PDB file of N, CA and C in Angstrom:
ATOM      1  N   MET A   1     -33.774   2.973   3.267  1.00  0.00           N
ATOM      2  CA  MET A   1     -33.529   3.872   4.390  1.00  0.00           C
ATOM      3  C   MET A   1     -32.409   3.321   5.288  1.00  0.00           C
ATOM      4  N   LEU A   2     -32.490   2.047   5.640  1.00  0.00           N
ATOM      5  CA  LEU A   2     -31.472   1.448   6.494  1.00  0.00           C
ATOM      6  C   LEU A   2     -30.122   1.441   5.803  1.00  0.00           C
ATOM      7  N   GLU A   3     -30.124   1.068   4.535  1.00  0.00           N
ATOM      8  CA  GLU A   3     -28.863   1.029   3.784  1.00  0.00           C
ATOM      9  C   GLU A   3     -28.252   2.422   3.671  1.00  0.00           C
ATOM     10  N   SER A   4     -29.088   3.422   3.493  1.00  0.00           N
ATOM     11  CA  SER A   4     -28.612   4.801   3.416  1.00  0.00           C
ATOM     12  C   SER A   4     -27.987   5.236   4.741  1.00  0.00           C
ATOM     13  N   ALA A   5     -28.610   4.852   5.838  1.00  0.00           N
ATOM     14  CA  ALA A   5     -28.081   5.203   7.166  1.00  0.00           C
ATOM     15  C   ALA A   5     -26.732   4.525   7.395  1.00  0.00           C
ATOM     16  N   LEU A   6     -26.626   3.253   6.993  1.00  0.00           N
ATOM     17  CA  LEU A   6     -25.358   2.536   7.147  1.00  0.00           C
ATOM     18  C   LEU A   6     -24.272   3.155   6.271  1.00  0.00           C
ATOM     19  N   ASP A   7     -24.647   3.564   5.075  1.00  0.00           N
ATOM     20  CA  ASP A   7     -23.689   4.210   4.183  1.00  0.00           C
ATOM     21  C   ASP A   7     -23.160   5.499   4.799  1.00  0.00           C
ATOM     22  N   LYS A   8     -24.039   6.286   5.393  1.00  0.00           N
ATOM     23  CA  LYS A   8     -23.621   7.534   6.057  1.00  0.00           C
ATOM     24  C   LYS A   8     -22.686   7.245   7.229  1.00  0.00           C
ATOM     25  N   LEU A   9     -23.035   6.223   8.020  1.00  0.00           N
ATOM     26  CA  LEU A   9     -22.167   5.842   9.139  1.00  0.00           C
ATOM     27  C   LEU A   9     -20.789   5.436   8.647  1.00  0.00           C
ATOM     28  N   ALA A  10     -20.739   4.645   7.578  1.00  0.00           N
ATOM     29  CA  ALA A  10     -19.457   4.210   7.032  1.00  0.00           C
ATOM     30  C   ALA A  10     -18.631   5.404   6.577  1.00  0.00           C
ATOM     31  N   GLN A  11     -19.269   6.365   5.927  1.00  0.00           N
ATOM     32  CA  GLN A  11     -18.547   7.562   5.480  1.00  0.00           C
ATOM     33  C   GLN A  11     -17.977   8.322   6.674  1.00  0.00           C
ATOM     34  N   GLN A  12     -18.758   8.447   7.725  1.00  0.00           N
ATOM     35  CA  GLN A  12     -18.292   9.155   8.913  1.00  0.00           C
ATOM     36  C   GLN A  12     -17.142   8.400   9.583  1.00  0.00           C
ATOM     37  N   ILE A  13     -17.251   7.086   9.650  1.00  0.00           N
ATOM     38  CA  ILE A  13     -16.204   6.284  10.281  1.00  0.00           C
ATOM     39  C   ILE A  13     -14.916   6.356   9.473  1.00  0.00           C
ATOM     40  N   LEU A  14     -15.027   6.315   8.136  1.00  0.00           N
ATOM     41  CA  LEU A  14     -13.839   6.400   7.291  1.00  0.00           C
ATOM     42  C   LEU A  14     -13.121   7.736   7.443  1.00  0.00           C
ATOM     43  N   ALA A  15     -13.836   8.757   7.856  1.00  0.00           N
ATOM     44  CA  ALA A  15     -13.233  10.075   8.032  1.00  0.00           C
ATOM     45  C   ALA A  15     -12.469  10.197   9.354  1.00  0.00           C
ATOM     46  N   LEU A  16     -12.635   9.220  10.246  1.00  0.00           N
ATOM     47  CA  LEU A  16     -11.958   9.267  11.544  1.00  0.00           C
ATOM     48  C   LEU A  16     -10.502   8.853  11.405  1.00  0.00           C
ATOM     49  N   ASP A  17      -9.674   9.413  12.255  1.00  0.00           N
ATOM     50  CA  ASP A  17      -8.245   9.130  12.261  1.00  0.00           C
ATOM     51  C   ASP A  17      -7.971   7.846  13.038  1.00  0.00           C
ATOM     52  N   GLU A  18      -7.257   6.905  12.416  1.00  0.00           N
ATOM     53  CA  GLU A  18      -6.988   5.620  13.075  1.00  0.00           C
ATOM     54  C   GLU A  18      -6.206   5.802  14.370  1.00  0.00           C
ATOM     55  N   ALA A  19      -5.223   6.686  14.372  1.00  0.00           N
ATOM     56  CA  ALA A  19      -4.403   6.884  15.576  1.00  0.00           C
ATOM     57  C   ALA A  19      -5.267   7.380  16.739  1.00  0.00           C
ATOM     58  N   SER A  20      -6.175   8.289  16.456  1.00  0.00           N
ATOM     59  CA  SER A  20      -7.067   8.790  17.509  1.00  0.00           C
ATOM     60  C   SER A  20      -7.989   7.682  18.001  1.00  0.00           C
ATOM     61  N   LEU A  21      -8.492   6.876  17.068  1.00  0.00           N
ATOM     62  CA  LEU A  21      -9.351   5.764  17.460  1.00  0.00           C
ATOM     63  C   LEU A  21      -8.589   4.764  18.333  1.00  0.00           C
ATOM     64  N   CYS A  22      -7.368   4.465  17.937  1.00  0.00           N
ATOM     65  CA  CYS A  22      -6.578   3.472  18.671  1.00  0.00           C
ATOM     66  C   CYS A  22      -6.253   3.934  20.080  1.00  0.00           C
ATOM     67  N   SER A  23      -6.184   5.239  20.269  1.00  0.00           N
ATOM     68  CA  SER A  23      -5.920   5.743  21.621  1.00  0.00           C
ATOM     69  C   SER A  23      -7.111   5.458  22.554  1.00  0.00           C
ATOM     70  N   LEU A  24      -8.271   5.185  21.979  1.00  0.00           N
ATOM     71  CA  LEU A  24      -9.464   4.886  22.779  1.00  0.00           C
ATOM     72  C   LEU A  24      -9.707   3.383  22.934  1.00  0.00           C
ATOM     73  N   TRP A  25      -8.913   2.572  22.259  1.00  0.00           N
ATOM     74  CA  TRP A  25      -9.136   1.130  22.215  1.00  0.00           C
ATOM     75  C   TRP A  25      -9.171   0.507  23.605  1.00  0.00           C
ATOM     76  N   GLU A  26      -8.186   0.800  24.428  1.00  0.00           N
ATOM     77  CA  GLU A  26      -8.098   0.211  25.771  1.00  0.00           C
ATOM     78  C   GLU A  26      -9.309   0.597  26.627  1.00  0.00           C
ATOM     79  N   LYS A  27      -9.708   1.856  26.559  1.00  0.00           N
ATOM     80  CA  LYS A  27     -10.858   2.347  27.336  1.00  0.00           C
ATOM     81  C   LYS A  27     -12.109   1.532  27.016  1.00  0.00           C
ATOM     82  N   TYR A  28     -12.377   1.352  25.722  1.00  0.00           N
ATOM     83  CA  TYR A  28     -13.594   0.634  25.342  1.00  0.00           C
ATOM     84  C   TYR A  28     -13.454  -0.869  25.514  1.00  0.00           C
ATOM     85  N   LYS A  29     -12.252  -1.366  25.460  1.00  0.00           N
ATOM     86  CA  LYS A  29     -12.021  -2.787  25.741  1.00  0.00           C
ATOM     87  C   LYS A  29     -12.383  -3.082  27.191  1.00  0.00           C
ATOM     88  N   GLU A  30     -11.947  -2.220  28.106  1.00  0.00           N
ATOM     89  CA  GLU A  30     -12.263  -2.403  29.522  1.00  0.00           C
ATOM     90  C   GLU A  30     -13.760  -2.302  29.779  1.00  0.00           C
ATOM     91  N   ARG A  31     -14.404  -1.313  29.153  1.00  0.00           N
ATOM     92  CA  ARG A  31     -15.853  -1.168  29.339  1.00  0.00           C
ATOM     93  C   ARG A  31     -16.593  -2.402  28.827  1.00  0.00           C
ATOM     94  N   MET A  32     -16.147  -2.909  27.689  1.00  0.00           N
ATOM     95  CA  MET A  32     -16.785  -4.068  27.076  1.00  0.00           C
ATOM     96  C   MET A  32     -16.632  -5.306  27.967  1.00  0.00           C
ATOM     97  N   GLU A  33     -15.478  -5.465  28.591  1.00  0.00           N
ATOM     98  CA  GLU A  33     -15.200  -6.636  29.414  1.00  0.00           C
ATOM     99  C   GLU A  33     -15.996  -6.662  30.720  1.00  0.00           C
ATOM    100  N   HIS A  34     -16.503  -5.516  31.142  1.00  0.00           N
ATOM    101  CA  HIS A  34     -17.274  -5.435  32.390  1.00  0.00           C
ATOM    102  C   HIS A  34     -18.758  -5.294  32.036  1.00  0.00           C
ATOM    103  N   PHE A  35     -19.354  -6.437  31.796  1.00  0.00           N
ATOM    104  CA  PHE A  35     -20.745  -6.438  31.342  1.00  0.00           C
ATOM    105  C   PHE A  35     -21.678  -5.814  32.364  1.00  0.00           C
ATOM    106  N   GLU A  36     -22.594  -5.040  31.847  1.00  0.00           N
ATOM    107  CA  GLU A  36     -23.732  -4.561  32.619  1.00  0.00           C
ATOM    108  C   GLU A  36     -24.878  -4.383  31.627  1.00  0.00           C
ATOM    109  N   PRO A  37     -26.056  -4.774  32.001  1.00  0.00           N
ATOM    110  CA  PRO A  37     -27.182  -4.683  31.066  1.00  0.00           C
ATOM    111  C   PRO A  37     -27.661  -3.234  30.898  1.00  0.00           C
ATOM    112  N   SER A  38     -26.881  -2.468  30.172  1.00  0.00           N
ATOM    113  CA  SER A  38     -27.223  -1.060  29.997  1.00  0.00           C
ATOM    114  C   SER A  38     -26.948  -0.624  28.561  1.00  0.00           C
ATOM    115  N   ARG A  39     -27.551   0.465  28.196  1.00  0.00           N
ATOM    116  CA  ARG A  39     -27.335   1.038  26.866  1.00  0.00           C
ATOM    117  C   ARG A  39     -25.887   1.507  26.717  1.00  0.00           C
ATOM    118  N   GLU A  40     -25.290   1.974  27.804  1.00  0.00           N
ATOM    119  CA  GLU A  40     -23.893   2.429  27.766  1.00  0.00           C
ATOM    120  C   GLU A  40     -22.945   1.279  27.436  1.00  0.00           C
ATOM    121  N   TRP A  41     -23.193   0.095  28.019  1.00  0.00           N
ATOM    122  CA  TRP A  41     -22.368  -1.066  27.713  1.00  0.00           C
ATOM    123  C   TRP A  41     -22.528  -1.453  26.243  1.00  0.00           C
ATOM    124  N   GLU A  42     -23.766  -1.405  25.746  1.00  0.00           N
ATOM    125  CA  GLU A  42     -24.021  -1.731  24.343  1.00  0.00           C
ATOM    126  C   GLU A  42     -23.284  -0.769  23.413  1.00  0.00           C
ATOM    127  N   LYS A  43     -23.305   0.507  23.740  1.00  0.00           N
ATOM    128  CA  LYS A  43     -22.589   1.493  22.918  1.00  0.00           C
ATOM    129  C   LYS A  43     -21.081   1.256  22.981  1.00  0.00           C
ATOM    130  N   ALA A  44     -20.574   0.915  24.161  1.00  0.00           N
ATOM    131  CA  ALA A  44     -19.142   0.634  24.289  1.00  0.00           C
ATOM    132  C   ALA A  44     -18.747  -0.551  23.413  1.00  0.00           C
ATOM    133  N   MET A  45     -19.600  -1.574  23.349  1.00  0.00           N
ATOM    134  CA  MET A  45     -19.339  -2.733  22.481  1.00  0.00           C
ATOM    135  C   MET A  45     -19.253  -2.297  21.024  1.00  0.00           C
ATOM    136  N   ILE A  46     -20.205  -1.521  20.585  1.00  0.00           N
ATOM    137  CA  ILE A  46     -20.241  -1.064  19.190  1.00  0.00           C
ATOM    138  C   ILE A  46     -19.002  -0.226  18.887  1.00  0.00           C
ATOM    139  N   ILE A  47     -18.654   0.684  19.774  1.00  0.00           N
ATOM    140  CA  ILE A  47     -17.475   1.536  19.571  1.00  0.00           C
ATOM    141  C   ILE A  47     -16.209   0.691  19.501  1.00  0.00           C
ATOM    142  N   PHE A  48     -16.085  -0.289  20.393  1.00  0.00           N
ATOM    143  CA  PHE A  48     -14.914  -1.163  20.398  1.00  0.00           C
ATOM    144  C   PHE A  48     -14.781  -1.884  19.053  1.00  0.00           C
ATOM    145  N   PHE A  49     -15.881  -2.398  18.545  1.00  0.00           N
ATOM    146  CA  PHE A  49     -15.826  -3.122  17.280  1.00  0.00           C
ATOM    147  C   PHE A  49     -15.638  -2.186  16.085  1.00  0.00           C
ATOM    148  N   ILE A  50     -16.095  -0.973  16.180  1.00  0.00           N
ATOM    149  CA  ILE A  50     -15.822   0.011  15.118  1.00  0.00           C
ATOM    150  C   ILE A  50     -14.322   0.289  15.059  1.00  0.00           C
ATOM    151  N   ILE A  51     -13.716   0.487  16.230  1.00  0.00           N
ATOM    152  CA  ILE A  51     -12.269   0.733  16.280  1.00  0.00           C
ATOM    153  C   ILE A  51     -11.528  -0.454  15.665  1.00  0.00           C
ATOM    154  N   ASN A  52     -11.906  -1.667  16.039  1.00  0.00           N
ATOM    155  CA  ASN A  52     -11.255  -2.855  15.486  1.00  0.00           C
ATOM    156  C   ASN A  52     -11.504  -2.985  13.987  1.00  0.00           C
ATOM    157  N   ALA A  53     -12.678  -2.617  13.536  1.00  0.00           N
ATOM    158  CA  ALA A  53     -12.988  -2.699  12.102  1.00  0.00           C
ATOM    159  C   ALA A  53     -12.100  -1.746  11.307  1.00  0.00           C
ATOM    160  N   VAL A  54     -11.903  -0.539  11.816  1.00  0.00           N
ATOM    161  CA  VAL A  54     -11.036   0.426  11.128  1.00  0.00           C
ATOM    162  C   VAL A  54      -9.593  -0.083  11.118  1.00  0.00           C
ATOM    163  N   ARG A  55      -9.146  -0.619  12.224  1.00  0.00           N
ATOM    164  CA  ARG A  55      -7.781  -1.165  12.288  1.00  0.00           C
ATOM    165  C   ARG A  55      -7.609  -2.316  11.292  1.00  0.00           C
ATOM    166  N   ALA A  56      -8.576  -3.218  11.258  1.00  0.00           N
ATOM    167  CA  ALA A  56      -8.499  -4.358  10.338  1.00  0.00           C
ATOM    168  C   ALA A  56      -8.546  -3.893   8.893  1.00  0.00           C
ATOM    169  N   LYS A  57      -9.415  -2.952   8.600  1.00  0.00           N
ATOM    170  CA  LYS A  57      -9.530  -2.421   7.235  1.00  0.00           C
ATOM    171  C   LYS A  57      -8.214  -1.801   6.799  1.00  0.00           C
ATOM    172  N   ASN A  58      -7.605  -1.008   7.652  1.00  0.00           N
ATOM    173  CA  ASN A  58      -6.334  -0.359   7.298  1.00  0.00           C
ATOM    174  C   ASN A  58      -5.204  -1.378   7.150  1.00  0.00           C
ATOM    175  N   HIS A  59      -5.203  -2.394   7.997  1.00  0.00           N
ATOM    176  CA  HIS A  59      -4.174  -3.433   7.899  1.00  0.00           C
ATOM    177  C   HIS A  59      -4.289  -4.165   6.560  1.00  0.00           C
ATOM    178  N   ILE A  60      -5.491  -4.577   6.217  1.00  0.00           N
ATOM    179  CA  ILE A  60      -5.710  -5.284   4.949  1.00  0.00           C
ATOM    180  C   ILE A  60      -5.374  -4.381   3.774  1.00  0.00           C
ATOM    181  N   PHE A  61      -5.799  -3.136   3.837  1.00  0.00           N
ATOM    182  CA  PHE A  61      -5.541  -2.169   2.768  1.00  0.00           C
ATOM    183  C   PHE A  61      -4.035  -2.010   2.550  1.00  0.00           C
ATOM    184  N   ASN A  62      -3.291  -1.821   3.644  1.00  0.00           N
ATOM    185  CA  ASN A  62      -1.838  -1.634   3.537  1.00  0.00           C
ATOM    186  C   ASN A  62      -1.140  -2.885   3.032  1.00  0.00           C
ATOM    187  N   GLU A  63      -1.580  -4.058   3.476  1.00  0.00           N
ATOM    188  CA  GLU A  63      -0.985  -5.307   2.998  1.00  0.00           C
ATOM    189  C   GLU A  63      -1.221  -5.470   1.498  1.00  0.00           C
ATOM    190  N   GLN A  64      -2.411  -5.145   1.055  1.00  0.00           N
ATOM    191  CA  GLN A  64      -2.719  -5.269  -0.370  1.00  0.00           C
ATOM    192  C   GLN A  64      -1.863  -4.307  -1.196  1.00  0.00           C
ATOM    193  N   LEU A  65      -1.664  -3.098  -0.697  1.00  0.00           N
ATOM    194  CA  LEU A  65      -0.814  -2.139  -1.418  1.00  0.00           C
ATOM    195  C   LEU A  65       0.630  -2.620  -1.467  1.00  0.00           C
ATOM    196  N   LYS A  66       1.096  -3.177  -0.351  1.00  0.00           N
ATOM    197  CA  LYS A  66       2.477  -3.644  -0.266  1.00  0.00           C
ATOM    198  C   LYS A  66       2.708  -4.827  -1.213  1.00  0.00           C
ATOM    199  N   ASN A  67       1.738  -5.700  -1.326  1.00  0.00           N
ATOM    200  CA  ASN A  67       1.877  -6.894  -2.151  1.00  0.00           C
ATOM    201  C   ASN A  67       1.576  -6.650  -3.630  1.00  0.00           C
ATOM    202  N   ARG A  68       1.084  -5.508  -3.914  1.00  0.00           N
ATOM    203  CA  ARG A  68       0.705  -5.199  -5.297  1.00  0.00           C
ATOM    204  C   ARG A  68       1.950  -5.087  -6.166  1.00  0.00           C
ATOM    205  N   GLN A  69       1.919  -5.728  -7.305  1.00  0.00           N
ATOM    206  CA  GLN A  69       3.037  -5.681  -8.241  1.00  0.00           C
ATOM    207  C   GLN A  69       2.884  -4.448  -9.123  1.00  0.00           C
ATOM    208  N   PRO A  70       3.950  -3.693  -9.320  1.00  0.00           N
ATOM    209  CA  PRO A  70       3.836  -2.566 -10.246  1.00  0.00           C
ATOM    210  C   PRO A  70       3.644  -3.111 -11.658  1.00  0.00           C
ATOM    211  N   PRO A  71       2.885  -2.402 -12.474  1.00  0.00           N
ATOM    212  CA  PRO A  71       2.672  -2.899 -13.831  1.00  0.00           C
ATOM    213  C   PRO A  71       3.990  -2.994 -14.583  1.00  0.00           C
ATOM    214  N   THR A  72       4.153  -4.080 -15.302  1.00  0.00           N
ATOM    215  CA  THR A  72       5.398  -4.258 -16.048  1.00  0.00           C
ATOM    216  C   THR A  72       5.279  -3.555 -17.389  1.00  0.00           C
ATOM    217  N   ARG A  73       6.353  -2.904 -17.757  1.00  0.00           N
ATOM    218  CA  ARG A  73       6.404  -2.210 -19.042  1.00  0.00           C
ATOM    219  C   ARG A  73       7.188  -3.074 -20.016  1.00  0.00           C
ATOM    220  N   PRO A  74       6.711  -3.146 -21.233  1.00  0.00           N
ATOM    221  CA  PRO A  74       7.509  -3.880 -22.214  1.00  0.00           C
ATOM    222  C   PRO A  74       8.811  -3.138 -22.462  1.00  0.00           C
ATOM    223  N   GLU A  75       9.883  -3.909 -22.616  1.00  0.00           N
ATOM    224  CA  GLU A  75      11.179  -3.273 -22.834  1.00  0.00           C
ATOM    225  C   GLU A  75      11.208  -2.611 -24.196  1.00  0.00           C
ATOM    226  N   LYS A  76      11.677  -1.384 -24.193  1.00  0.00           N
ATOM    227  CA  LYS A  76      11.809  -0.646 -25.447  1.00  0.00           C
ATOM    228  C   LYS A  76      13.213  -0.883 -25.993  1.00  0.00           C
ATOM    229  N   PRO A  77      13.327  -0.965 -27.285  1.00  0.00           N
ATOM    230  CA  PRO A  77      14.677  -1.093 -27.844  1.00  0.00           C
ATOM    231  C   PRO A  77      15.462   0.184 -27.545  1.00  0.00           C
ATOM    232  N   PRO A  78      16.760   0.056 -27.314  1.00  0.00           N
ATOM    233  CA  PRO A  78      17.559   1.250 -26.992  1.00  0.00           C
ATOM    234  C   PRO A  78      17.537   2.227 -28.164  1.00  0.00           C
ATOM    235  N   LYS A  79      17.518   3.482 -27.780  1.00  0.00           N
ATOM    236  CA  LYS A  79      17.528   4.526 -28.807  1.00  0.00           C
ATOM    237  C   LYS A  79      18.946   4.706 -29.338  1.00  0.00           C
ATOM    238  N   GLY A  80      19.027   5.258 -30.487  1.00  0.00           N
ATOM    239  CA  GLY A  80      20.344   5.502 -31.078  1.00  0.00           C
ATOM    240  C   GLY A  80      20.709   4.385 -32.029  1.00  0.00           C
ATOM    241  N   LYS A  81      21.966   4.328 -32.367  1.00  0.00           N
ATOM    242  CA  LYS A  81      22.433   3.325 -33.320  1.00  0.00           C
ATOM    243  C   LYS A  81      22.496   1.956 -32.660  1.00  0.00           C
ATOM    244  N   PRO A  82      22.051   0.939 -33.368  1.00  0.00           N
ATOM    245  CA  PRO A  82      22.165  -0.404 -32.793  1.00  0.00           C
ATOM    246  C   PRO A  82      23.625  -0.874 -32.855  1.00  0.00           C
ATOM    247  N   GLU A  83      23.953  -1.751 -31.935  1.00  0.00           N
ATOM    248  CA  GLU A  83      25.298  -2.314 -31.946  1.00  0.00           C
ATOM    249  C   GLU A  83      25.413  -3.307 -33.104  1.00  0.00           C
ATOM    250  N   LEU A  84      26.329  -3.031 -34.021  1.00  0.00           N
ATOM    251  CA  LEU A  84      26.538  -3.913 -35.148  1.00  0.00           C
ATOM    252  C   LEU A  84      27.981  -4.412 -35.122  1.00  0.00           C
ATOM    253  N   LYS A  85      28.157  -5.663 -35.506  1.00  0.00           N
ATOM    254  CA  LYS A  85      29.491  -6.217 -35.570  1.00  0.00           C
ATOM    255  C   LYS A  85      29.792  -6.524 -37.047  1.00  0.00           C
ATOM    256  N   LEU A  86      30.983  -6.253 -37.442  1.00  0.00           N
ATOM    257  CA  LEU A  86      31.403  -6.545 -38.806  1.00  0.00           C
ATOM    258  C   LEU A  86      31.810  -8.015 -38.865  1.00  0.00           C
ATOM    259  N   VAL A  87      31.147  -8.739 -39.709  1.00  0.00           N
ATOM    260  CA  VAL A  87      31.457 -10.156 -39.872  1.00  0.00           C
ATOM    261  C   VAL A  87      32.016 -10.330 -41.261  1.00  0.00           C
ATOM    262  N   LYS A  88      33.272 -10.802 -41.350  1.00  0.00           N
ATOM    263  CA  LYS A  88      33.894 -11.035 -42.652  1.00  0.00           C
ATOM    264  C   LYS A  88      33.617 -12.468 -43.080  1.00  0.00           C
ATOM    265  N   GLY A  89      33.362 -12.605 -44.325  1.00  0.00           N
ATOM    266  CA  GLY A  89      33.012 -13.927 -44.763  1.00  0.00           C
ATOM    267  C   GLY A  89      33.830 -14.480 -45.866  1.00  0.00           C
TER     268      GLY A  89
END
């Protein structure tokens, strides 16, 4: 049950737009920095870390794509007649 709930949350978070999330980063950073023993502060902490998790995930994902080597293809022999040289002996 818990794992299923976390899986659903992850799916919902992955559907969020990073740019929209990042526009909220400062707001939740400020809320997080001003501690108060309340449920609202706890939610602000979770939201702040969700935003950071999405940013980190996208950064790692993009770096991995950038560093990925394209698969190498074996060189095919050129089509057509091969270059031949006449050697007299």
